[in-house]
Amino acid sequence: MCEARQGRSPLLCIVPPQILRHLARGASRPLADWALHTLALSERLRGARTVLGSLASLATTPAGLKRRTVYDAGHLERLPGKPVRAEGDPATRDVAVNEAYDGAGATYDFYHDAYGRNSIDDRGMRLDASVHYGRNFDNAFWDGRQMVYGDGDGTIFQRFTKSVDVIGHELTHGVTESEAGLDYQDQPGALNESISDVFGSLVKQSGLGQAADQADWVIGAGLFARGVRGVGLRSMKAPGTAYDDPRIGKDPQPAHMKDYVATHEDAGGVHINSGIPNHAFYLAAVAIGGRAWTKAGRIWYIALRDRLRHDSSFADAARLTAETADQLYGPGGAEARAVRDAWQAVGVVASPAPGRTSEDRVQAQRRVRRDGRAAGPRKRRAARGRA
């Protein structure tokens, strides 16, 4: 997200607003001007997002059929721009166009092959993207209908199509919108950001064929320009260590609940406190071992799809992911123990299991209407998917 206010629809951007605010306050011109413009533009764009999100998916496309179009915004602030590459077209001479196209395809293939998901909304949603948005725009975002990428300022940030995990992160916001619909405020908002980091990292790991202990667990590696002291925007392995540079400040993410940041900025610190569930997932994935998307990722995905609710807290996520691990791999199994131990290691105590509420029943009915079948068969389908 770029910036947020409680009660307003958020624009879901990759660069934390604290970095942009630090640049705006402390950097020399023109960096400060670029940061201020990015913040102001983000505020204007947010007003359109609610309408766009409601129009995003009006029809169903068969599973396995990708539909990508990349547009060139021509350094203007109007979307989508000129179409420059459609599904099946050969690569162009523009590296940003090709990266946006390939990153959308990698994310689609990841969700389809790993979890049997049919695009972002599970109904074959188009994967459209605009590159070269604005001048020196220091962000990438999901607006509820498409991806948008800036080219960066060249001094702090490089082009935002460069990191496939950034693309996977932003498109996963669309998955979360379609499933749990986590509120973008406080702990639910931090979970929203964390889930995007989890699956953004898994998109990258899957493409590289990495096991959990081989991955860097860094979000946005390669985004910073030469000379910036940092490895990326966030580290799931070691929250709080991703960057430390006088121009953008120090990574403020905590790895444990004892360091939870209570703030009114950034929608209650959604980009900051996401370090806690991020680290829990990292610990669980490494403890389980192997390729993180096959077991740990499956647990988080099914919890997102079938169990998490719009107002779920960290404690709720701890309980629901552990219950999902019990369901998939057996109560008391190594996977469930790894999940419970991971949440305990970051200081999150699982919430007690509640009784079935009227909201639970309403959500189940909505899922039946959307999919034409109850949640139970969907869980079994996902459990049978490719490991």
Protein backbone atom coordinates (compact mmCIF):
# COMPACT_ATOMS: atom_id res chain seq x y z
CA MET A 1 0.00 0.00 0.00
CA CYS A 2 1.17 3.56 -0.68
CA GLU A 3 -0.66 5.33 2.13
CA ALA A 4 -3.85 4.58 4.02
CA ARG A 5 -6.55 6.14 6.12
CA GLN A 6 -8.94 4.18 8.23
CA GLY A 7 -12.30 3.75 6.55
CA ARG A 8 -10.96 4.35 3.04
CA SER A 9 -10.18 1.81 0.36
CA PRO A 10 -6.41 1.21 0.34
CA LEU A 11 -4.17 1.29 -2.68
CA LEU A 12 -2.01 -1.81 -2.36
CA CYS A 13 1.59 -0.84 -3.12
CA ILE A 14 4.90 -2.58 -2.57
CA VAL A 15 6.98 0.29 -1.13
CA PRO A 16 6.14 1.01 2.53
CA PRO A 17 4.99 4.61 3.05
CA GLN A 18 7.59 5.15 5.77
CA ILE A 19 10.34 4.91 3.13
CA LEU A 20 8.64 7.54 0.97
CA ARG A 21 8.02 9.82 3.96
CA HIS A 22 11.68 9.50 5.01
CA LEU A 23 12.77 10.44 1.50
CA ALA A 24 10.36 13.37 1.44
CA ARG A 25 11.65 14.71 4.77
CA GLY A 26 15.36 14.10 4.53
CA ALA A 27 16.48 13.63 0.93
CA SER A 28 17.83 16.37 -1.29
CA ARG A 29 15.85 17.53 -4.28
CA PRO A 30 14.79 16.04 -6.66
CA LEU A 31 14.47 12.86 -4.55
CA ALA A 32 12.26 14.61 -2.01
CA ASP A 33 10.03 15.96 -4.79
CA TRP A 34 9.68 12.50 -6.37
CA ALA A 35 8.75 10.97 -3.00
CA LEU A 36 6.16 13.67 -2.29
CA HIS A 37 4.67 13.23 -5.76
CA THR A 38 4.42 9.46 -5.30
CA LEU A 39 2.62 9.93 -1.97
CA ALA A 40 0.23 12.52 -3.41
CA LEU A 41 -0.49 10.47 -6.51
CA SER A 42 -1.19 7.42 -4.39
CA GLU A 43 -3.82 9.37 -2.46
CA ARG A 44 -5.55 10.41 -5.68
CA LEU A 45 -5.50 6.91 -7.14
CA ARG A 46 -7.05 5.38 -4.07
CA GLY A 47 -10.38 7.03 -4.71
CA ALA A 48 -10.86 5.02 -7.91
CA ARG A 49 -9.93 1.64 -6.46
CA THR A 50 -13.28 0.68 -4.95
CA VAL A 51 -15.03 1.10 -8.31
CA LEU A 52 -12.31 -0.78 -10.20
CA GLY A 53 -12.39 -3.69 -7.80
CA SER A 54 -16.12 -4.16 -8.29
CA LEU A 55 -15.68 -4.41 -12.06
CA ALA A 56 -12.67 -6.73 -12.05
CA SER A 57 -14.33 -10.08 -12.76
CA LEU A 58 -17.69 -10.39 -14.43
CA ALA A 59 -17.24 -13.73 -16.22
CA THR A 60 -15.54 -17.07 -15.79
CA THR A 61 -12.71 -18.32 -18.02
CA PRO A 62 -11.66 -22.00 -18.15
CA ALA A 63 -8.81 -22.97 -15.85
CA GLY A 64 -5.36 -23.04 -17.39
CA LEU A 65 -6.12 -20.26 -19.90
CA LYS A 66 -3.93 -17.23 -19.23
CA ARG A 67 -5.09 -13.84 -20.52
CA ARG A 68 -2.34 -11.24 -20.23
CA THR A 69 -2.06 -7.78 -21.75
CA VAL A 70 0.74 -5.32 -21.02
CA TYR A 71 0.23 -1.62 -21.67
CA ASP A 72 2.74 1.22 -21.93
CA ALA A 73 1.56 4.23 -19.94
CA GLY A 74 4.17 6.37 -21.71
CA HIS A 75 5.26 8.07 -18.45
CA LEU A 76 1.79 9.57 -18.10
CA GLU A 77 -0.53 9.13 -15.13
CA ARG A 78 -3.43 7.72 -17.12
CA LEU A 79 -4.34 4.05 -17.23
CA PRO A 80 -4.05 1.68 -18.87
CA GLY A 81 -2.07 3.23 -21.74
CA LYS A 82 -1.17 1.77 -25.15
CA PRO A 83 -1.36 -2.04 -25.52
CA VAL A 84 2.09 -3.35 -26.43
CA ARG A 85 2.00 -7.10 -25.73
CA ALA A 86 -0.98 -9.46 -25.62
CA GLU A 87 -1.26 -13.12 -24.68
CA GLY A 88 0.91 -15.24 -26.97
CA ASP A 89 2.76 -12.31 -28.54
CA PRO A 90 6.55 -12.57 -28.86
CA ALA A 91 8.85 -10.66 -26.53
CA THR A 92 9.39 -6.97 -27.25
CA ARG A 93 12.52 -4.86 -27.02
CA ASP A 94 11.22 -3.28 -23.81
CA VAL A 95 12.54 -5.21 -20.82
CA ALA A 96 9.87 -3.82 -18.47
CA VAL A 97 7.10 -5.04 -20.78
CA ASN A 98 8.60 -8.52 -20.91
CA GLU A 99 9.18 -8.66 -17.14
CA ALA A 100 5.58 -7.63 -16.43
CA TYR A 101 4.28 -10.23 -18.90
CA ASP A 102 6.52 -13.01 -17.60
CA GLY A 103 5.92 -12.16 -13.93
CA ALA A 104 2.14 -12.29 -14.39
CA GLY A 105 2.51 -15.64 -16.14
CA ALA A 106 4.78 -16.99 -13.40
CA THR A 107 2.25 -15.99 -10.74
CA TYR A 108 -0.68 -17.48 -12.67
CA ASP A 109 1.23 -20.74 -13.23
CA PHE A 110 2.29 -20.93 -9.59
CA TYR A 111 -1.26 -20.69 -8.26
CA HIS A 112 -2.64 -23.00 -10.94
CA ASP A 113 0.03 -25.70 -10.64
CA ALA A 114 0.48 -25.63 -6.87
CA TYR A 115 -3.11 -25.11 -5.71
CA GLY A 116 -5.39 -25.60 -8.72
CA ARG A 117 -6.39 -21.92 -8.71
CA ASN A 118 -7.80 -20.33 -11.86
CA SER A 119 -6.14 -16.90 -11.83
CA ILE A 120 -6.39 -14.27 -9.11
CA ASP A 121 -10.13 -14.56 -8.49
CA ASP A 122 -10.30 -18.33 -9.25
CA ARG A 123 -12.57 -17.48 -12.20
CA GLY A 124 -9.94 -16.79 -14.87
CA MET A 125 -9.50 -13.07 -14.26
CA ARG A 126 -7.44 -11.17 -16.84
CA LEU A 127 -3.91 -10.27 -15.77
CA ASP A 128 -3.39 -6.79 -17.16
CA ALA A 129 -0.48 -4.51 -16.36
CA SER A 130 0.76 -1.04 -17.22
CA VAL A 131 4.47 -0.20 -17.25
CA HIS A 132 6.28 3.16 -17.39
CA TYR A 133 3.63 4.75 -15.20
CA GLY A 134 4.37 8.40 -14.41
CA ARG A 135 7.84 9.90 -14.25
CA ASN A 136 10.25 8.47 -11.69
CA PHE A 137 7.28 6.83 -9.94
CA ASP A 138 8.71 4.95 -6.95
CA ASN A 139 6.18 2.17 -6.57
CA ALA A 140 4.18 -0.70 -7.99
CA PHE A 141 0.57 -1.34 -7.06
CA TRP A 142 -2.54 -3.44 -7.57
CA ASP A 143 -5.56 -1.18 -8.11
CA GLY A 144 -8.25 -3.86 -7.88
CA ARG A 145 -8.24 -4.56 -11.62
CA GLN A 146 -4.67 -4.44 -12.90
CA MET A 147 -0.99 -4.10 -11.99
CA VAL A 148 0.81 -0.78 -12.40
CA TYR A 149 4.59 -0.35 -12.37
CA GLY A 150 6.73 2.73 -12.04
CA ASP A 151 10.27 2.94 -13.42
CA GLY A 152 11.78 4.17 -10.14
CA ASP A 153 13.88 7.28 -9.75
CA GLY A 154 17.17 5.57 -10.66
CA THR A 155 18.84 6.81 -7.48
CA ILE A 156 16.98 4.87 -4.78
CA PHE A 157 14.78 2.49 -6.77
CA GLN A 158 15.18 0.71 -10.09
CA ARG A 159 12.26 -0.40 -12.25
CA PHE A 160 9.58 -2.26 -10.30
CA THR A 161 9.11 -5.05 -12.81
CA LYS A 162 12.59 -6.30 -11.95
CA SER A 163 11.58 -8.52 -8.99
CA VAL A 164 9.14 -11.37 -9.67
CA ASP A 165 8.32 -11.58 -5.95
CA VAL A 166 7.05 -7.98 -6.11
CA ILE A 167 4.73 -9.00 -8.95
CA GLY A 168 3.60 -12.09 -7.03
CA HIS A 169 3.10 -9.98 -3.89
CA GLU A 170 0.85 -7.44 -5.57
CA LEU A 171 -1.23 -9.99 -7.48
CA THR A 172 -1.72 -11.93 -4.24
CA HIS A 173 -3.54 -8.89 -2.85
CA GLY A 174 -6.15 -9.76 -5.47
CA VAL A 175 -6.30 -13.34 -4.19
CA THR A 176 -6.83 -12.08 -0.64
CA GLU A 177 -9.56 -9.71 -1.81
CA SER A 178 -11.33 -12.64 -3.48
CA GLU A 179 -11.07 -14.93 -0.45
CA ALA A 180 -10.72 -13.74 3.16
CA GLY A 181 -11.07 -10.05 2.27
CA LEU A 182 -8.81 -9.10 5.17
CA ASP A 183 -9.47 -5.56 6.42
CA TYR A 184 -6.55 -3.30 5.57
CA GLN A 185 -6.04 -2.00 9.11
CA ASP A 186 -4.05 -3.09 12.17
CA GLN A 187 -3.49 -6.86 12.55
CA PRO A 188 -5.83 -7.96 9.72
CA GLY A 189 -4.03 -5.50 7.45
CA ALA A 190 -0.63 -6.77 8.56
CA LEU A 191 -1.82 -10.31 7.79
CA ASN A 192 -2.94 -9.05 4.37
CA GLU A 193 0.56 -7.71 3.69
CA SER A 194 2.21 -10.82 5.12
CA ILE A 195 0.18 -13.19 2.94
CA SER A 196 1.29 -11.21 -0.10
CA ASP A 197 4.92 -11.46 1.04
CA VAL A 198 4.53 -15.21 1.66
CA PHE A 199 3.18 -16.03 -1.77
CA GLY A 200 5.33 -13.46 -3.55
CA SER A 201 8.37 -15.21 -2.10
CA LEU A 202 6.95 -18.61 -3.02
CA VAL A 203 6.41 -17.51 -6.63
CA LYS A 204 10.12 -16.65 -6.76
CA GLN A 205 11.21 -19.83 -4.98
CA SER A 206 9.07 -21.98 -7.26
CA GLY A 207 10.57 -20.40 -10.36
CA LEU A 208 14.08 -21.02 -9.03
CA GLY A 209 13.29 -24.54 -7.82
CA GLN A 210 14.57 -23.69 -4.34
CA ALA A 211 14.02 -25.54 -1.10
CA ALA A 212 13.09 -23.49 1.96
CA ASP A 213 16.65 -23.52 3.31
CA GLN A 214 18.05 -22.30 -0.03
CA ALA A 215 15.81 -19.24 -0.46
CA ASP A 216 16.87 -15.72 0.49
CA TRP A 217 13.40 -14.87 1.91
CA VAL A 218 13.92 -11.24 0.85
CA ILE A 219 11.06 -9.28 -0.71
CA GLY A 220 12.16 -6.93 -3.46
CA ALA A 221 15.78 -8.08 -3.85
CA GLY A 222 17.32 -6.06 -6.66
CA LEU A 223 14.93 -3.09 -6.42
CA PHE A 224 17.41 -0.77 -4.74
CA ALA A 225 19.79 1.13 -6.97
CA ARG A 226 23.55 0.82 -6.63
CA GLY A 227 24.82 2.48 -3.47
CA VAL A 228 21.68 2.00 -1.35
CA ARG A 229 22.51 0.08 1.80
CA GLY A 230 19.95 -2.70 1.77
CA VAL A 231 19.13 -6.11 0.31
CA GLY A 232 15.44 -5.44 -0.33
CA LEU A 233 12.24 -4.06 1.16
CA ARG A 234 11.69 -6.78 3.77
CA SER A 235 13.37 -9.89 5.11
CA MET A 236 11.13 -12.75 6.25
CA LYS A 237 14.14 -14.57 7.66
CA ALA A 238 15.37 -11.60 9.69
CA PRO A 239 12.75 -8.83 9.94
CA GLY A 240 14.27 -5.44 10.71
CA THR A 241 17.48 -6.05 8.75
CA ALA A 242 16.47 -5.49 5.12
CA TYR A 243 17.84 -1.94 4.79
CA ASP A 244 19.64 0.74 6.79
CA ASP A 245 20.43 3.83 4.74
CA PRO A 246 20.30 7.49 5.83
CA ARG A 247 18.18 8.40 2.80
CA ILE A 248 15.40 5.88 3.46
CA GLY A 249 15.88 5.07 7.15
CA LYS A 250 16.20 1.70 8.85
CA ASP A 251 13.91 -1.27 8.36
CA PRO A 252 11.42 -0.99 11.28
CA GLN A 253 9.90 -4.48 11.09
CA PRO A 254 9.65 -6.50 14.31
CA ALA A 255 10.09 -10.28 14.42
CA HIS A 256 8.28 -10.80 17.75
CA MET A 257 5.09 -9.57 19.43
CA LYS A 258 7.10 -7.94 22.22
CA ASP A 259 8.25 -5.41 19.62
CA TYR A 260 4.81 -4.87 17.99
CA VAL A 261 4.51 -1.26 16.82
CA ALA A 262 1.32 0.57 17.83
CA THR A 263 0.90 3.44 15.36
CA HIS A 264 -1.77 5.36 13.50
CA GLU A 265 0.43 5.64 10.42
CA ASP A 266 0.43 3.10 7.60
CA ALA A 267 -3.09 1.91 8.55
CA GLY A 268 -1.85 0.81 11.94
CA GLY A 269 1.57 -0.33 10.76
CA VAL A 270 0.49 -2.94 8.22
CA HIS A 271 3.87 -2.88 6.44
CA ILE A 272 5.73 -2.86 9.77
CA ASN A 273 3.99 -5.49 11.89
CA SER A 274 3.69 -7.89 8.98
CA GLY A 275 7.22 -8.89 9.96
CA ILE A 276 5.77 -11.00 12.78
CA PRO A 277 3.56 -13.34 10.70
CA ASN A 278 6.22 -13.24 7.97
CA HIS A 279 8.78 -14.66 10.37
CA ALA A 280 6.29 -17.25 11.63
CA PHE A 281 5.82 -18.54 8.08
CA TYR A 282 9.58 -18.61 7.48
CA LEU A 283 10.14 -20.63 10.67
CA ALA A 284 7.35 -23.07 9.82
CA ALA A 285 8.57 -23.54 6.23
CA VAL A 286 12.16 -24.21 7.25
CA ALA A 287 11.08 -26.58 10.02
CA ILE A 288 8.84 -28.54 7.66
CA GLY A 289 11.59 -28.55 5.05
CA GLY A 290 11.58 -29.20 1.34
CA ARG A 291 9.95 -26.82 -1.09
CA ALA A 292 7.99 -24.31 0.95
CA TRP A 293 5.01 -24.07 -1.38
CA THR A 294 4.19 -27.79 -1.17
CA LYS A 295 3.28 -28.02 2.54
CA ALA A 296 3.76 -24.74 4.42
CA GLY A 297 2.38 -22.76 1.48
CA ARG A 298 -0.54 -25.15 1.07
CA ILE A 299 -1.42 -24.72 4.74
CA TRP A 300 -1.41 -20.91 4.45
CA TYR A 301 -3.29 -20.98 1.14
CA ILE A 302 -6.14 -23.17 2.38
CA ALA A 303 -6.36 -21.15 5.60
CA LEU A 304 -6.68 -18.00 3.47
CA ARG A 305 -9.21 -19.55 1.13
CA ASP A 306 -11.45 -21.36 3.60
CA ARG A 307 -10.83 -20.20 7.17
CA LEU A 308 -9.54 -16.64 7.62
CA ARG A 309 -12.15 -13.89 7.92
CA HIS A 310 -12.03 -10.18 7.21
CA ASP A 311 -11.18 -9.28 10.82
CA SER A 312 -8.80 -12.14 11.67
CA SER A 313 -6.01 -11.29 14.11
CA PHE A 314 -2.55 -12.82 14.44
CA ALA A 315 -3.92 -15.12 17.15
CA ASP A 316 -6.71 -16.21 14.82
CA ALA A 317 -4.21 -16.90 12.04
CA ALA A 318 -2.11 -18.99 14.43
CA ARG A 319 -5.10 -21.14 15.35
CA LEU A 320 -6.48 -21.44 11.81
CA THR A 321 -3.19 -22.36 10.16
CA ALA A 322 -2.55 -24.97 12.87
CA GLU A 323 -6.05 -26.40 12.37
CA THR A 324 -5.46 -26.49 8.62
CA ALA A 325 -2.19 -28.37 9.17
CA ASP A 326 -4.07 -30.86 11.36
CA GLN A 327 -6.67 -31.30 8.62
CA LEU A 328 -4.15 -31.78 5.81
CA TYR A 329 -1.42 -33.80 7.50
CA GLY A 330 -2.96 -35.27 10.61
CA PRO A 331 -3.39 -33.95 14.18
CA GLY A 332 -0.12 -33.87 16.05
CA GLY A 333 1.95 -34.45 12.91
CA ALA A 334 5.30 -32.84 12.21
CA GLU A 335 3.70 -30.17 10.01
CA ALA A 336 1.18 -29.10 12.65
CA ARG A 337 3.89 -29.03 15.32
CA ALA A 338 6.06 -26.87 13.09
CA VAL A 339 3.22 -24.38 12.56
CA ARG A 340 2.38 -24.15 16.26
CA ASP A 341 6.04 -23.84 17.24
CA ALA A 342 6.57 -21.08 14.66
CA TRP A 343 3.75 -18.92 16.01
CA GLN A 344 4.90 -19.49 19.57
CA ALA A 345 8.44 -18.48 18.59
CA VAL A 346 7.20 -15.04 17.45
CA GLY A 347 5.14 -14.57 20.61
CA VAL A 348 1.68 -15.20 19.14
CA VAL A 349 -0.68 -17.26 21.30
CA ALA A 350 -3.38 -18.97 19.26
CA SER A 351 -6.93 -17.78 19.91
CA PRO A 352 -9.44 -20.28 21.37
CA ALA A 353 -11.69 -21.99 18.86
CA PRO A 354 -15.07 -20.20 18.73
CA GLY A 355 -18.44 -21.78 18.09
CA ARG A 356 -19.94 -21.59 14.61
CA THR A 357 -21.41 -18.12 14.13
CA SER A 358 -24.01 -16.68 11.81
CA GLU A 359 -21.19 -15.00 9.86
CA ASP A 360 -19.54 -18.40 9.33
CA ARG A 361 -22.80 -19.70 7.87
CA VAL A 362 -23.18 -16.65 5.61
CA GLN A 363 -19.62 -17.09 4.30
CA ALA A 364 -20.24 -20.76 3.60
CA GLN A 365 -23.42 -19.90 1.69
CA ARG A 366 -21.54 -17.30 -0.36
CA ARG A 367 -18.88 -19.85 -1.25
CA VAL A 368 -21.53 -22.33 -2.36
CA ARG A 369 -23.17 -19.67 -4.56
CA ARG A 370 -19.84 -18.67 -6.06
CA ASP A 371 -18.40 -22.11 -6.71
CA GLY A 372 -21.54 -24.22 -7.01
CA ARG A 373 -20.23 -26.54 -4.32
CA ALA A 374 -19.55 -26.51 -0.60
CA ALA A 375 -16.16 -25.63 0.90
CA GLY A 376 -15.47 -29.20 1.92
CA PRO A 377 -14.98 -30.59 -1.62
CA ARG A 378 -12.76 -27.59 -2.49
CA LYS A 379 -10.52 -28.42 0.45
CA ARG A 380 -10.20 -32.01 -0.70
CA ARG A 381 -9.44 -30.85 -4.25
CA ALA A 382 -6.65 -28.59 -3.03
CA ALA A 383 -5.25 -31.30 -0.81
CA ARG A 384 -4.95 -33.59 -3.82
CA GLY A 385 -3.16 -30.96 -5.95
CA ARG A 386 0.42 -31.17 -7.15
CA ALA A 387 2.99 -31.18 -4.35
